[in-house]
N, C-alpha and C. Protein backbone atom coordinates (compact mmCIF):
# COMPACT_ATOMS: atom_id res chain seq x y z
N MET A 1 -1.67 0.89 24.12
CA MET A 1 -2.14 0.65 23.12
C MET A 1 -1.84 1.62 21.90
N ILE A 2 -3.17 2.31 22.31
CA ILE A 2 -3.10 3.74 21.96
C ILE A 2 -1.99 4.62 21.77
N GLU A 3 -1.17 4.73 22.44
CA GLU A 3 0.25 5.66 22.37
C GLU A 3 0.91 4.96 21.05
N ASP A 4 1.11 3.75 21.05
CA ASP A 4 2.12 2.97 19.80
C ASP A 4 1.35 3.33 18.83
N LEU A 5 0.09 3.21 18.67
CA LEU A 5 -0.80 3.30 17.11
C LEU A 5 -0.34 4.94 16.91
N ILE A 6 -0.63 5.88 17.65
CA ILE A 6 -0.66 7.40 17.48
C ILE A 6 1.16 7.50 17.00
N ASP A 7 1.86 6.86 17.70
CA ASP A 7 3.33 6.95 17.64
C ASP A 7 3.44 6.87 16.18
N ALA A 8 3.01 5.53 15.53
CA ALA A 8 3.20 5.11 14.62
C ALA A 8 2.54 5.77 13.31
N VAL A 9 1.50 6.39 13.85
CA VAL A 9 0.75 7.39 12.51
C VAL A 9 1.62 8.37 12.24
N ILE A 10 2.00 9.08 13.56
CA ILE A 10 2.89 10.52 13.18
C ILE A 10 4.19 10.18 12.87
N ASP A 11 4.94 9.27 12.93
CA ASP A 11 6.26 8.44 12.29
C ASP A 11 5.87 8.61 10.68
N ARG A 12 4.84 7.66 10.56
CA ARG A 12 4.67 7.60 8.93
C ARG A 12 4.31 8.82 8.48
N GLU A 13 3.16 9.71 9.15
CA GLU A 13 2.84 10.95 8.40
C GLU A 13 3.87 12.03 8.51
N GLY A 14 4.96 12.08 9.01
CA GLY A 14 5.93 12.82 9.20
C GLY A 14 5.62 14.23 9.65
N GLY A 15 6.53 15.45 9.23
CA GLY A 15 6.02 16.42 9.81
C GLY A 15 5.04 17.33 8.83
N TYR A 16 5.40 18.80 8.65
CA TYR A 16 4.49 19.52 7.78
C TYR A 16 4.58 19.04 6.51
N VAL A 17 3.36 18.82 5.46
CA VAL A 17 3.36 18.51 4.31
C VAL A 17 2.25 19.30 3.60
N ASN A 18 2.38 19.77 2.18
CA ASN A 18 1.61 20.30 1.56
C ASN A 18 1.52 19.85 0.69
N HIS A 19 1.54 18.89 0.18
CA HIS A 19 1.45 18.15 -1.17
C HIS A 19 0.31 18.80 -2.35
N PRO A 20 0.57 19.18 -3.00
CA PRO A 20 -0.31 19.73 -4.19
C PRO A 20 -1.71 19.01 -4.76
N ALA A 21 -1.34 17.69 -4.79
CA ALA A 21 -2.53 16.80 -5.22
C ALA A 21 -3.30 16.36 -4.10
N ASP A 22 -2.92 16.50 -2.70
CA ASP A 22 -4.10 16.53 -1.51
C ASP A 22 -4.88 17.32 -1.58
N ARG A 23 -6.14 17.10 -1.58
CA ARG A 23 -7.38 17.94 -1.23
C ARG A 23 -7.00 18.24 0.09
N GLY A 24 -6.54 17.60 1.05
CA GLY A 24 -6.68 17.79 2.50
C GLY A 24 -5.95 19.41 2.78
N GLY A 25 -5.05 19.41 1.84
CA GLY A 25 -4.44 20.88 2.10
C GLY A 25 -3.09 20.54 3.24
N ALA A 26 -2.86 21.45 3.78
CA ALA A 26 -1.53 21.48 4.56
C ALA A 26 -1.93 20.37 5.43
N THR A 27 -0.74 19.80 6.01
CA THR A 27 -1.12 18.76 7.11
C THR A 27 0.22 18.92 8.04
N ARG A 28 0.26 18.40 9.29
CA ARG A 28 1.36 18.34 10.08
C ARG A 28 1.16 17.47 11.29
N PHE A 29 1.82 16.18 11.18
CA PHE A 29 1.70 14.88 11.71
C PHE A 29 0.57 14.27 11.20
N GLY A 30 -0.01 14.55 10.19
CA GLY A 30 -0.93 13.81 9.11
C GLY A 30 -2.37 14.22 9.96
N ILE A 31 -2.13 15.51 10.76
CA ILE A 31 -3.72 16.39 11.14
C ILE A 31 -3.90 17.58 9.91
N THR A 32 -5.00 17.52 9.42
CA THR A 32 -5.14 18.52 8.15
C THR A 32 -5.36 19.64 8.99
N GLU A 33 -5.20 20.87 8.22
CA GLU A 33 -5.46 22.28 8.68
C GLU A 33 -6.91 22.23 9.11
N ALA A 34 -7.95 21.75 8.49
CA ALA A 34 -9.16 21.94 8.74
C ALA A 34 -9.48 21.32 10.23
N VAL A 35 -8.95 19.89 10.64
CA VAL A 35 -9.12 19.45 11.90
C VAL A 35 -8.60 20.03 12.66
N ALA A 36 -7.40 20.57 12.53
CA ALA A 36 -6.58 21.42 13.55
C ALA A 36 -7.27 22.59 14.26
N ARG A 37 -7.85 23.13 12.74
CA ARG A 37 -8.89 24.52 13.18
C ARG A 37 -10.16 24.12 13.95
N ALA A 38 -10.57 22.86 13.56
CA ALA A 38 -12.02 22.53 14.16
C ALA A 38 -11.64 22.12 15.90
N ASN A 39 -10.28 22.00 15.95
CA ASN A 39 -9.98 21.39 17.26
C ASN A 39 -9.17 22.82 18.11
N GLY A 40 -9.39 24.05 17.80
CA GLY A 40 -9.05 24.98 18.54
C GLY A 40 -7.73 25.82 17.85
N TYR A 41 -7.15 25.31 17.05
CA TYR A 41 -5.68 25.75 16.94
C TYR A 41 -5.85 26.79 15.59
N HIS A 42 -5.06 27.99 15.92
CA HIS A 42 -5.33 28.85 14.82
C HIS A 42 -4.11 29.46 14.29
N GLY A 43 -3.04 28.79 14.48
CA GLY A 43 -1.64 29.07 13.97
C GLY A 43 -1.22 28.69 12.90
N ASP A 44 0.02 28.68 12.05
CA ASP A 44 0.84 28.39 11.08
C ASP A 44 0.65 26.73 11.42
N MET A 45 0.34 26.08 10.24
CA MET A 45 0.45 24.44 10.68
C MET A 45 1.90 24.00 10.64
N ARG A 46 2.96 25.00 10.25
CA ARG A 46 3.83 24.42 10.08
C ARG A 46 4.68 24.31 11.76
N LEU A 47 4.00 24.79 12.65
CA LEU A 47 4.13 25.18 14.05
C LEU A 47 3.24 24.01 14.81
N PHE A 48 2.43 23.76 14.21
CA PHE A 48 1.17 22.97 15.25
C PHE A 48 2.04 21.74 15.78
N ALA A 49 2.06 21.63 17.21
CA ALA A 49 2.67 20.79 18.17
C ALA A 49 2.33 19.19 18.23
N ARG A 50 3.33 18.53 18.41
CA ARG A 50 2.87 17.23 18.26
C ARG A 50 1.89 16.63 19.51
N PRO A 51 2.13 17.43 21.04
CA PRO A 51 1.29 16.74 21.79
C PRO A 51 -0.56 17.19 21.09
N ALA A 52 -0.64 18.35 20.44
CA ALA A 52 -1.83 18.63 20.01
C ALA A 52 -2.46 17.59 18.92
N ALA A 53 -1.18 17.26 18.20
CA ALA A 53 -1.70 16.15 17.51
C ALA A 53 -2.26 14.75 17.86
N VAL A 54 -1.32 14.39 19.12
CA VAL A 54 -1.61 13.19 19.90
C VAL A 54 -3.06 13.24 20.60
N ALA A 55 -3.29 14.55 21.31
CA ALA A 55 -4.72 14.75 21.80
C ALA A 55 -5.69 14.51 20.82
N ILE A 56 -5.48 15.20 19.53
CA ILE A 56 -6.72 14.87 18.36
C ILE A 56 -6.55 13.50 17.67
N TYR A 57 -5.56 12.72 17.88
CA TYR A 57 -5.75 11.10 17.47
C TYR A 57 -6.38 10.49 18.42
N ARG A 58 -6.05 11.07 19.67
CA ARG A 58 -6.55 9.92 20.90
C ARG A 58 -8.11 10.29 20.85
N ARG A 59 -8.59 11.86 20.94
CA ARG A 59 -10.00 11.88 20.95
C ARG A 59 -10.89 11.65 19.81
N ILE A 60 -10.14 12.29 18.86
CA ILE A 60 -11.53 12.28 17.38
C ILE A 60 -11.21 10.85 16.81
N TYR A 61 -9.92 10.01 16.68
CA TYR A 61 -9.70 8.99 15.80
C TYR A 61 -9.86 7.83 16.77
N TRP A 62 -9.94 7.77 18.14
CA TRP A 62 -9.98 6.86 18.81
C TRP A 62 -10.93 6.67 20.05
N THR A 63 -11.05 7.35 21.02
CA THR A 63 -12.27 7.69 21.75
C THR A 63 -13.47 7.60 21.15
N ARG A 64 -13.66 8.90 20.73
CA ARG A 64 -14.85 9.15 20.14
C ARG A 64 -15.87 8.02 19.38
N PRO A 65 -15.02 7.42 18.48
CA PRO A 65 -15.40 6.34 17.54
C PRO A 65 -15.80 5.13 17.99
N GLY A 66 -15.14 4.83 19.34
CA GLY A 66 -15.27 3.76 19.91
C GLY A 66 -14.43 2.54 19.74
N TRP A 67 -13.47 2.93 19.10
CA TRP A 67 -12.32 1.53 18.88
C TRP A 67 -11.79 1.50 20.37
N ASP A 68 -11.34 2.19 21.40
CA ASP A 68 -11.06 1.80 22.64
C ASP A 68 -12.03 0.33 23.03
N GLN A 69 -13.32 0.52 22.92
CA GLN A 69 -14.01 -0.72 23.16
C GLN A 69 -13.90 -1.74 22.23
N VAL A 70 -13.57 -1.63 21.11
CA VAL A 70 -13.40 -2.85 19.97
C VAL A 70 -12.13 -3.33 20.62
N ALA A 71 -11.01 -2.28 20.85
CA ALA A 71 -9.83 -3.09 21.34
C ALA A 71 -9.92 -4.01 22.51
N GLU A 72 -10.81 -3.61 23.39
CA GLU A 72 -11.24 -4.78 24.55
C GLU A 72 -11.55 -6.33 24.08
N ARG A 73 -12.10 -6.20 22.87
CA ARG A 73 -12.59 -7.27 22.45
C ARG A 73 -11.35 -8.08 21.41
N ALA A 74 -10.87 -6.99 20.30
CA ALA A 74 -10.26 -7.60 19.47
C ALA A 74 -9.18 -6.48 18.78
N PRO A 75 -8.15 -6.51 19.77
CA PRO A 75 -6.99 -5.29 19.60
C PRO A 75 -6.44 -4.99 18.01
N ALA A 76 -6.26 -6.06 17.37
CA ALA A 76 -5.92 -5.81 16.27
C ALA A 76 -6.96 -5.25 15.27
N LEU A 77 -8.01 -5.59 15.28
CA LEU A 77 -9.12 -5.08 14.28
C LEU A 77 -9.25 -3.83 14.84
N ALA A 78 -9.24 -3.14 16.35
CA ALA A 78 -9.13 -1.88 16.72
C ALA A 78 -7.99 -0.94 16.32
N ALA A 79 -6.75 -1.67 16.09
CA ALA A 79 -5.86 -0.99 15.36
C ALA A 79 -5.93 -0.66 13.90
N GLU A 80 -6.67 -1.40 13.23
CA GLU A 80 -6.85 -1.48 11.90
C GLU A 80 -8.08 -0.30 11.68
N LEU A 81 -8.82 -0.53 12.55
CA LEU A 81 -10.14 0.37 12.41
C LEU A 81 -9.75 1.88 12.88
N PHE A 82 -8.89 2.39 13.57
CA PHE A 82 -7.88 3.50 13.98
C PHE A 82 -7.21 3.89 12.81
N ASP A 83 -6.55 2.97 12.23
CA ASP A 83 -5.96 3.08 10.93
C ASP A 83 -6.68 3.88 9.60
N THR A 84 -7.82 3.13 9.52
CA THR A 84 -8.77 3.20 8.48
C THR A 84 -9.24 4.80 8.77
N GLY A 85 -9.72 4.96 9.89
CA GLY A 85 -10.49 6.10 10.46
C GLY A 85 -9.49 7.34 10.70
N VAL A 86 -8.48 7.20 10.76
CA VAL A 86 -7.33 8.24 10.15
C VAL A 86 -7.43 8.76 8.65
N ASN A 87 -7.28 7.65 7.99
CA ASN A 87 -6.90 7.94 6.61
C ASN A 87 -8.61 8.16 6.12
N MET A 88 -9.50 7.41 6.21
CA MET A 88 -10.98 7.65 5.42
C MET A 88 -12.05 8.24 6.56
N GLY A 89 -11.91 8.33 7.72
CA GLY A 89 -12.59 9.28 8.60
C GLY A 89 -13.27 7.80 9.35
N PRO A 90 -13.60 8.12 10.66
CA PRO A 90 -14.01 6.82 11.46
C PRO A 90 -15.35 6.18 11.07
N ALA A 91 -16.32 7.14 10.49
CA ALA A 91 -17.73 6.78 10.16
C ALA A 91 -17.50 5.79 9.12
N VAL A 92 -16.54 6.00 8.08
CA VAL A 92 -16.12 5.02 7.11
C VAL A 92 -15.64 3.81 7.57
N ALA A 93 -14.63 3.86 8.82
CA ALA A 93 -14.36 2.80 9.16
C ALA A 93 -15.41 1.75 9.76
N ALA A 94 -16.08 2.21 10.45
CA ALA A 94 -17.17 1.92 11.63
C ALA A 94 -18.22 1.03 10.36
N GLY A 95 -18.42 1.79 9.21
CA GLY A 95 -19.02 1.21 8.20
C GLY A 95 -18.52 -0.38 7.72
N PHE A 96 -17.29 -0.16 7.53
CA PHE A 96 -16.62 -1.51 7.17
C PHE A 96 -16.91 -2.40 8.15
N LEU A 97 -16.80 -1.80 9.50
CA LEU A 97 -16.87 -3.33 10.41
C LEU A 97 -18.14 -3.62 10.34
N GLN A 98 -19.37 -2.75 10.24
CA GLN A 98 -20.72 -3.10 10.15
C GLN A 98 -20.95 -3.97 9.20
N ARG A 99 -20.59 -3.53 7.65
CA ARG A 99 -20.91 -4.54 6.59
C ARG A 99 -20.26 -5.86 6.53
N ALA A 100 -18.98 -6.12 7.43
CA ALA A 100 -18.24 -7.01 7.58
C ALA A 100 -18.86 -8.03 8.30
N LEU A 101 -19.67 -7.30 9.53
CA LEU A 101 -20.30 -8.25 10.69
C LEU A 101 -21.60 -8.98 9.97
N ASN A 102 -22.33 -7.80 9.12
CA ASN A 102 -23.78 -8.35 8.42
C ASN A 102 -23.26 -9.69 7.37
N ALA A 103 -22.25 -9.05 6.90
CA ALA A 103 -22.14 -10.40 5.84
C ALA A 103 -21.42 -11.67 6.20
N LEU A 104 -20.75 -11.45 7.54
CA LEU A 104 -20.60 -12.75 8.26
C LEU A 104 -21.44 -13.41 9.13
N ASN A 105 -22.55 -13.18 9.29
CA ASN A 105 -23.47 -13.74 10.30
C ASN A 105 -24.21 -14.52 10.06
N ARG A 106 -23.88 -15.42 8.67
CA ARG A 106 -24.74 -16.55 8.34
C ARG A 106 -26.43 -16.09 8.35
N GLY A 107 -26.54 -15.25 7.34
CA GLY A 107 -28.05 -14.67 7.06
C GLY A 107 -28.66 -14.58 8.52
N ALA A 108 -28.33 -13.65 9.46
CA ALA A 108 -28.62 -13.30 10.75
C ALA A 108 -28.82 -14.55 11.08
N ARG A 109 -28.56 -15.64 11.24
CA ARG A 109 -28.60 -16.86 11.82
C ARG A 109 -27.82 -16.60 13.35
N ASP A 110 -26.43 -16.04 13.31
CA ASP A 110 -25.85 -15.83 14.44
C ASP A 110 -25.78 -14.77 15.53
N TYR A 111 -26.62 -13.70 14.58
CA TYR A 111 -26.72 -12.33 15.38
C TYR A 111 -27.44 -11.82 14.16
N ALA A 112 -28.41 -10.63 14.86
CA ALA A 112 -29.20 -9.53 13.87
C ALA A 112 -27.96 -8.75 13.21
N ASP A 113 -28.70 -8.38 12.13
CA ASP A 113 -27.84 -7.67 11.09
C ASP A 113 -27.77 -6.22 11.99
N VAL A 114 -26.78 -5.35 11.85
CA VAL A 114 -26.81 -3.70 12.47
C VAL A 114 -26.99 -3.32 11.50
N VAL A 115 -27.38 -1.87 11.75
CA VAL A 115 -27.72 -0.69 11.12
C VAL A 115 -26.58 -0.27 10.66
N LEU A 116 -26.50 0.26 9.18
CA LEU A 116 -25.22 0.88 8.90
C LEU A 116 -25.12 2.04 8.99
N ASP A 117 -24.77 2.53 10.18
CA ASP A 117 -24.84 3.92 10.34
C ASP A 117 -23.43 4.78 10.44
N GLY A 118 -22.47 3.86 10.63
CA GLY A 118 -21.25 4.47 10.85
C GLY A 118 -20.85 4.90 12.23
N ARG A 119 -21.36 4.25 13.12
CA ARG A 119 -21.00 4.61 14.25
C ARG A 119 -21.06 3.12 15.44
N ILE A 120 -20.32 3.11 16.34
CA ILE A 120 -20.16 2.11 16.86
C ILE A 120 -20.86 2.17 18.12
N GLY A 121 -21.64 1.48 18.14
CA GLY A 121 -22.73 1.71 19.46
C GLY A 121 -22.93 0.08 20.19
N PRO A 122 -23.83 0.03 21.05
CA PRO A 122 -24.15 -1.29 21.62
C PRO A 122 -24.48 -2.11 20.76
N GLN A 123 -25.29 -2.12 19.56
CA GLN A 123 -26.10 -2.87 18.84
C GLN A 123 -24.39 -3.22 17.86
N THR A 124 -23.55 -2.74 17.38
CA THR A 124 -22.10 -3.36 16.70
C THR A 124 -21.57 -3.99 17.72
N LEU A 125 -21.32 -3.26 18.93
CA LEU A 125 -20.78 -4.25 20.13
C LEU A 125 -21.16 -5.52 20.07
N ARG A 126 -22.49 -5.58 20.26
CA ARG A 126 -23.09 -6.98 20.62
C ARG A 126 -22.90 -8.13 19.53
N ALA A 127 -22.74 -7.30 18.26
CA ALA A 127 -22.52 -8.27 16.99
C ALA A 127 -21.03 -8.75 16.81
N LEU A 128 -20.40 -7.77 17.51
CA LEU A 128 -18.96 -8.22 17.62
C LEU A 128 -18.72 -9.22 18.36
N ASP A 129 -19.28 -9.18 19.70
CA ASP A 129 -19.23 -10.02 20.81
C ASP A 129 -19.72 -11.35 20.30
N ARG A 130 -20.66 -11.28 19.72
CA ARG A 130 -21.37 -12.97 19.16
C ARG A 130 -20.45 -13.43 18.28
N PHE A 131 -20.22 -12.41 17.06
CA PHE A 131 -19.14 -13.27 16.13
C PHE A 131 -17.86 -13.86 16.37
N LEU A 132 -17.27 -13.17 17.65
CA LEU A 132 -16.15 -13.32 18.01
C LEU A 132 -16.07 -15.05 18.84
N ALA A 133 -17.56 -14.88 19.76
CA ALA A 133 -17.72 -15.90 20.54
C ALA A 133 -18.12 -17.36 19.62
N THR A 134 -19.07 -17.02 18.74
CA THR A 134 -19.57 -18.00 17.78
C THR A 134 -18.27 -18.27 16.52
N ARG A 135 -17.58 -17.57 16.17
CA ARG A 135 -16.79 -18.17 15.13
C ARG A 135 -15.11 -18.64 15.64
N GLY A 136 -14.91 -18.25 16.86
CA GLY A 136 -13.74 -18.83 17.85
C GLY A 136 -12.40 -17.99 17.50
N GLU A 137 -11.50 -18.97 17.63
CA GLU A 137 -10.24 -18.59 17.53
C GLU A 137 -9.80 -17.75 16.41
N ALA A 138 -10.25 -18.23 15.54
CA ALA A 138 -9.71 -17.21 14.03
C ALA A 138 -10.35 -15.89 13.66
N ALA A 139 -11.34 -16.01 14.22
CA ALA A 139 -12.58 -15.08 14.35
C ALA A 139 -11.83 -13.26 13.91
N GLU A 140 -11.22 -12.85 14.75
CA GLU A 140 -10.40 -11.57 14.51
C GLU A 140 -9.91 -11.55 13.41
N GLU A 141 -9.18 -12.49 13.03
CA GLU A 141 -8.56 -12.28 11.79
C GLU A 141 -9.50 -12.41 10.61
N VAL A 142 -10.34 -13.25 10.49
CA VAL A 142 -10.87 -13.08 9.46
C VAL A 142 -11.79 -11.67 9.20
N LEU A 143 -12.60 -11.27 10.22
CA LEU A 143 -13.15 -9.97 10.31
C LEU A 143 -11.92 -8.72 9.55
N LEU A 144 -10.59 -8.94 10.59
CA LEU A 144 -9.75 -7.91 9.85
C LEU A 144 -9.54 -8.13 8.51
N LYS A 145 -9.21 -9.35 7.90
CA LYS A 145 -9.14 -9.54 6.53
C LYS A 145 -10.46 -8.81 5.93
N ALA A 146 -11.46 -8.94 6.11
CA ALA A 146 -12.71 -8.18 5.74
C ALA A 146 -12.74 -6.69 5.49
N VAL A 147 -12.45 -6.11 6.79
CA VAL A 147 -12.28 -4.72 7.07
C VAL A 147 -11.13 -4.56 5.92
N GLU A 148 -10.27 -5.08 5.77
CA GLU A 148 -8.81 -4.84 5.24
C GLU A 148 -9.07 -4.77 3.61
N ALA A 149 -9.83 -5.70 3.40
CA ALA A 149 -10.44 -5.69 1.72
C ALA A 149 -11.41 -4.61 1.42
N LEU A 150 -12.21 -4.19 2.15
CA LEU A 150 -12.83 -2.82 2.32
C LEU A 150 -11.91 -2.07 2.03
N GLN A 151 -11.35 -1.55 2.97
CA GLN A 151 -10.02 -0.51 2.84
C GLN A 151 -9.66 -0.44 1.69
N GLY A 152 -8.95 -1.66 1.16
CA GLY A 152 -8.18 -1.64 -0.19
C GLY A 152 -8.97 -1.53 -1.31
N GLU A 153 -10.31 -1.82 -1.66
CA GLU A 153 -11.14 -1.65 -2.63
C GLU A 153 -11.35 -0.08 -2.63
N ARG A 154 -11.46 0.72 -1.43
CA ARG A 154 -11.84 2.07 -1.61
C ARG A 154 -10.40 2.94 -1.90
N TYR A 155 -9.24 2.49 -1.64
CA TYR A 155 -8.43 3.07 -1.73
C TYR A 155 -8.06 3.11 -3.61
N LEU A 156 -8.23 1.80 -3.99
CA LEU A 156 -8.29 1.44 -5.46
C LEU A 156 -9.35 2.39 -6.19
N THR A 157 -10.50 2.53 -5.71
CA THR A 157 -11.51 3.28 -6.35
C THR A 157 -11.39 4.75 -6.25
N LEU A 158 -10.77 4.93 -5.15
CA LEU A 158 -10.33 6.46 -5.03
C LEU A 158 -9.42 6.98 -6.47
N ALA A 159 -8.32 6.10 -6.38
CA ALA A 159 -6.96 6.17 -7.51
C ALA A 159 -7.49 6.17 -8.55
N GLU A 160 -8.77 5.22 -8.84
CA GLU A 160 -9.39 5.32 -10.46
C GLU A 160 -10.36 6.40 -10.55
N GLN A 161 -11.00 6.87 -9.71
CA GLN A 161 -11.82 7.97 -9.61
C GLN A 161 -10.95 9.27 -10.18
N ARG A 162 -9.97 9.54 -9.45
CA ARG A 162 -9.16 10.84 -9.54
C ARG A 162 -7.82 10.50 -9.75
N PRO A 163 -7.17 10.54 -11.03
CA PRO A 163 -5.75 10.15 -11.26
C PRO A 163 -4.54 10.59 -10.39
N ALA A 164 -5.07 11.69 -9.69
CA ALA A 164 -4.37 12.57 -8.87
C ALA A 164 -3.68 11.75 -7.72
N ASN A 165 -4.68 10.76 -7.20
CA ASN A 165 -4.70 9.91 -5.98
C ASN A 165 -3.92 9.37 -6.13
N GLU A 166 -3.45 8.66 -7.60
CA GLU A 166 -2.51 7.62 -7.57
C GLU A 166 -1.31 7.89 -7.04
N ALA A 167 -0.84 9.11 -6.69
CA ALA A 167 0.59 9.60 -5.94
C ALA A 167 0.32 9.02 -4.50
N PHE A 168 -0.83 8.88 -4.15
CA PHE A 168 -0.85 8.28 -2.92
C PHE A 168 -1.15 7.14 -2.72
N LEU A 169 -1.56 6.08 -3.49
CA LEU A 169 -1.82 4.72 -3.45
C LEU A 169 -1.21 3.92 -3.00
N TYR A 170 0.22 3.96 -3.11
CA TYR A 170 1.15 3.05 -3.15
C TYR A 170 1.24 3.25 -1.23
N GLY A 171 1.58 4.23 -0.61
CA GLY A 171 1.67 4.65 0.74
C GLY A 171 0.49 4.32 1.44
N TRP A 172 -0.79 4.56 0.94
CA TRP A 172 -1.96 4.09 1.41
C TRP A 172 -1.93 2.57 1.96
N LEU A 173 -1.67 1.82 0.46
CA LEU A 173 -1.76 0.43 0.66
C LEU A 173 -0.53 -0.26 1.58
N ALA A 174 0.81 0.38 1.45
CA ALA A 174 1.93 0.05 2.33
C ALA A 174 1.88 0.70 3.63
N GLY A 175 1.09 1.76 3.92
CA GLY A 175 1.63 2.37 5.30
C GLY A 175 0.52 2.10 6.38
N ARG A 176 -0.12 1.14 6.06
CA ARG A 176 -1.21 0.65 7.24
C ARG A 176 -0.57 0.00 8.49
N ILE A 177 -1.00 0.01 9.63
CA ILE A 177 -0.57 -0.36 10.99
C ILE A 177 -0.68 -1.82 10.85
N GLY A 178 -2.01 -2.27 10.08
CA GLY A 178 -2.24 -3.74 10.71
C GLY A 178 -1.77 -4.73 9.46
C-alpha cells in the first residue's frame, strides 16, 4: 500500500521545484531541502535521488506517525492521513484524526476522548477501534470525511492568511490521494 501512496505523491510533486511563493524553498520529489538535510543529504537538491525520497516518505511520513497501524484498521483513512501529513506535517494529520474521533464519540459514551497531542499511540488506536466497531460499515468513510473537512478548512485558512498561498490552493485541494 505505502509504495503506491509514495509513488502517487512523487508523481504529483514532480522533480525539482523552487517556487518563489513556497516558504519551503527548493524541493525535489516533494521533499524540502530542510527535510533532506535533516535526513543526511548535503548535496544540490536538483540531484536528490528518488530512493532517498522514498525512504524519507516511508520512515518520516508513514511509519513514524503510525499510519501503518491505522492502515491495518482503516486503509483509506491511513492514505488520507499520509497525504495530509506530507502536506501539513504528521502531527497536524494526527490532530485532525484525534479531533474527529473526539467529536464523533457521542459525548464520550462510545469511548473516552483522546488527548489532542498530535501523536498516534495506544489511546488513539483504541478510540479508532471502538469507533469502527461501534459505528459499523460506513464508519471509515464518515471519519475520512471529517478529516478531509478539517484539511480543506486549513488549506482555505492558509490561503486567506497569506495571499501568496493562493498559488497552491487549487493543487492542494485537487491533488489529494483520498
